[in-house]
C-alpha atoms as a PDB file:
ATOM      1  CA  UNK A   1       0.000   0.000   0.000  1.00  0.00           C
ATOM      2  CA  UNK A   2       1.693   3.146  -1.246  1.00  0.00           C
ATOM      3  CA  UNK A   3       1.009   6.865  -1.159  1.00  0.00           C
ATOM      4  CA  UNK A   4       2.583   7.345  -4.616  1.00  0.00           C
ATOM      5  CA  UNK A   5       2.259   4.096  -6.601  1.00  0.00           C
ATOM      6  CA  UNK A   6       3.356   5.686  -9.888  1.00  0.00           C
ATOM      7  CA  UNK A   7       6.667   6.803  -8.390  1.00  0.00           C
ATOM      8  CA  UNK A   8       7.191   3.412  -6.736  1.00  0.00           C
ATOM      9  CA  UNK A   9       6.555   1.643 -10.049  1.00  0.00           C
ATOM     10  CA  UNK A  10       9.066   3.925 -11.743  1.00  0.00           C
ATOM     11  CA  UNK A  11      11.748   3.173  -9.124  1.00  0.00           C
ATOM     12  CA  UNK A  12      11.222  -0.586  -9.315  1.00  0.00           C
ATOM     13  CA  UNK A  13      11.264  -0.584 -13.119  1.00  0.00           C
ATOM     14  CA  UNK A  14      14.500   1.454 -13.158  1.00  0.00           C
ATOM     15  CA  UNK A  15      16.081  -1.363 -11.166  1.00  0.00           C
ATOM     16  CA  UNK A  16      14.654  -4.135 -13.336  1.00  0.00           C
ATOM     17  CA  UNK A  17      12.340  -5.470 -10.643  1.00  0.00           C
ATOM     18  CA  UNK A  18       9.158  -7.272 -11.651  1.00  0.00           C
ATOM     19  CA  UNK A  19       6.142  -5.466 -10.235  1.00  0.00           C
ATOM     20  CA  UNK A  20       2.586  -6.712  -9.964  1.00  0.00           C
ATOM     21  CA  UNK A  21       0.068  -3.989  -9.286  1.00  0.00           C
ATOM     22  CA  UNK A  22      -3.323  -4.790  -7.770  1.00  0.00           C
ATOM     23  CA  UNK A  23      -6.161  -2.946  -6.106  1.00  0.00           C
ATOM     24  CA  UNK A  24      -6.764  -3.734  -2.453  1.00  0.00           C
ATOM     25  CA  UNK A  25      -9.035  -2.515   0.302  1.00  0.00           C
ATOM     26  CA  UNK A  26      -7.445  -1.095   3.437  1.00  0.00           C
ATOM     27  CA  UNK A  27      -9.803  -1.557   6.372  1.00  0.00           C
ATOM     28  CA  UNK A  28      -9.252  -0.076   9.818  1.00  0.00           C
ATOM     29  CA  UNK A  29     -10.870  -2.371  12.334  1.00  0.00           C
ATOM     30  CA  UNK A  30     -10.839  -3.375  15.988  1.00  0.00           C
ATOM     31  CA  UNK A  31      -7.867  -5.561  16.880  1.00  0.00           C
ATOM     32  CA  UNK A  32      -9.488  -8.389  18.823  1.00  0.00           C
ATOM     33  CA  UNK A  33     -10.258 -12.081  18.316  1.00  0.00           C
ATOM     34  CA  UNK A  34     -13.144 -12.604  15.907  1.00  0.00           C
ATOM     35  CA  UNK A  35     -12.848  -9.279  14.052  1.00  0.00           C
ATOM     36  CA  UNK A  36     -11.533 -10.904  10.869  1.00  0.00           C
ATOM     37  CA  UNK A  37     -14.131 -13.667  11.145  1.00  0.00           C
ATOM     38  CA  UNK A  38     -16.956 -11.117  11.111  1.00  0.00           C
ATOM     39  CA  UNK A  39     -15.581  -9.547   7.934  1.00  0.00           C
ATOM     40  CA  UNK A  40     -14.937 -12.885   6.210  1.00  0.00           C
ATOM     41  CA  UNK A  41     -18.416 -14.196   7.027  1.00  0.00           C
ATOM     42  CA  UNK A  42     -20.083 -11.035   5.706  1.00  0.00           C
ATOM     43  CA  UNK A  43     -18.127 -11.223   2.450  1.00  0.00           C
ATOM     44  CA  UNK A  44     -18.792 -14.970   2.093  1.00  0.00           C
ATOM     45  CA  UNK A  45     -22.516 -14.365   2.556  1.00  0.00           C
ATOM     46  CA  UNK A  46     -22.378 -12.013  -0.459  1.00  0.00           C
ATOM     47  CA  UNK A  47     -20.268 -14.558  -2.424  1.00  0.00           C
ATOM     48  CA  UNK A  48     -17.260 -12.199  -2.460  1.00  0.00           C
ATOM     49  CA  UNK A  49     -14.038 -14.205  -2.564  1.00  0.00           C
ATOM     50  CA  UNK A  50     -11.015 -13.045  -0.545  1.00  0.00           C
ATOM     51  CA  UNK A  51      -7.963 -13.667  -2.727  1.00  0.00           C
ATOM     52  CA  UNK A  52      -5.549 -12.684   0.013  1.00  0.00           C
ATOM     53  CA  UNK A  53      -5.412 -10.710   3.225  1.00  0.00           C
ATOM     54  CA  UNK A  54      -2.842  -9.507   5.703  1.00  0.00           C
ATOM     55  CA  UNK A  55      -2.913  -7.526   8.913  1.00  0.00           C
ATOM     56  CA  UNK A  56      -0.780  -4.585   9.944  1.00  0.00           C
ATOM     57  CA  UNK A  57      -1.032  -3.985  13.655  1.00  0.00           C
ATOM     58  CA  UNK A  58       0.854  -4.476  16.862  1.00  0.00           C
ATOM     59  CA  UNK A  59      -0.724  -7.126  19.133  1.00  0.00           C
ATOM     60  CA  UNK A  60      -1.386  -4.536  21.854  1.00  0.00           C
ATOM     61  CA  UNK A  61      -3.036  -1.973  19.562  1.00  0.00           C
ATOM     62  CA  UNK A  62      -6.768  -1.347  19.927  1.00  0.00           C
ATOM     63  CA  UNK A  63      -7.157  -0.744  16.157  1.00  0.00           C
ATOM     64  CA  UNK A  64      -5.412  -2.426  13.276  1.00  0.00           C
ATOM     65  CA  UNK A  65      -5.273  -2.367   9.501  1.00  0.00           C
ATOM     66  CA  UNK A  66      -6.547  -5.208   7.362  1.00  0.00           C
ATOM     67  CA  UNK A  67      -5.461  -5.309   3.733  1.00  0.00           C
ATOM     68  CA  UNK A  68      -7.808  -7.315   1.507  1.00  0.00           C
ATOM     69  CA  UNK A  69      -7.669  -8.258  -2.126  1.00  0.00           C
ATOM     70  CA  UNK A  70     -11.087  -9.418  -3.229  1.00  0.00           C
ATOM     71  CA  UNK A  71     -12.723 -10.357  -6.520  1.00  0.00           C
ATOM     72  CA  UNK A  72     -15.174  -7.451  -6.400  1.00  0.00           C
ATOM     73  CA  UNK A  73     -13.806  -4.451  -4.494  1.00  0.00           C
ATOM     74  CA  UNK A  74     -16.934  -2.295  -4.978  1.00  0.00           C
ATOM     75  CA  UNK A  75     -19.250  -4.987  -3.632  1.00  0.00           C
ATOM     76  CA  UNK A  76     -16.863  -5.705  -0.754  1.00  0.00           C
ATOM     77  CA  UNK A  77     -16.676  -2.026   0.164  1.00  0.00           C
ATOM     78  CA  UNK A  78     -20.460  -1.764   0.130  1.00  0.00           C
ATOM     79  CA  UNK A  79     -20.736  -4.871   2.329  1.00  0.00           C
ATOM     80  CA  UNK A  80     -18.195  -3.555   4.833  1.00  0.00           C
ATOM     81  CA  UNK A  81     -19.881  -0.141   4.975  1.00  0.00           C
ATOM     82  CA  UNK A  82     -23.154  -1.879   5.807  1.00  0.00           C
ATOM     83  CA  UNK A  83     -21.362  -3.552   8.728  1.00  0.00           C
ATOM     84  CA  UNK A  84     -20.167  -0.064   9.792  1.00  0.00           C
ATOM     85  CA  UNK A  85     -16.541  -1.167   9.588  1.00  0.00           C
END
């Protein structure tokens, strides 16, 4: 997740590095057991496949960041907004 993806792509290409660009959702959520399960169940109910996910938070933090790559980002975003996440 980058603030300036065009510049990052330029730097990597200058160095001959293979880059794969993809759209992801960055979700700020509570950092507690079951938080990811709630999100995954809501997306599954809408038949939205999670292609990959990773978390970016310290274990002691109250809030964390979830990065999701899904088949349908617009539908996933709508689903998560309905959950008030």
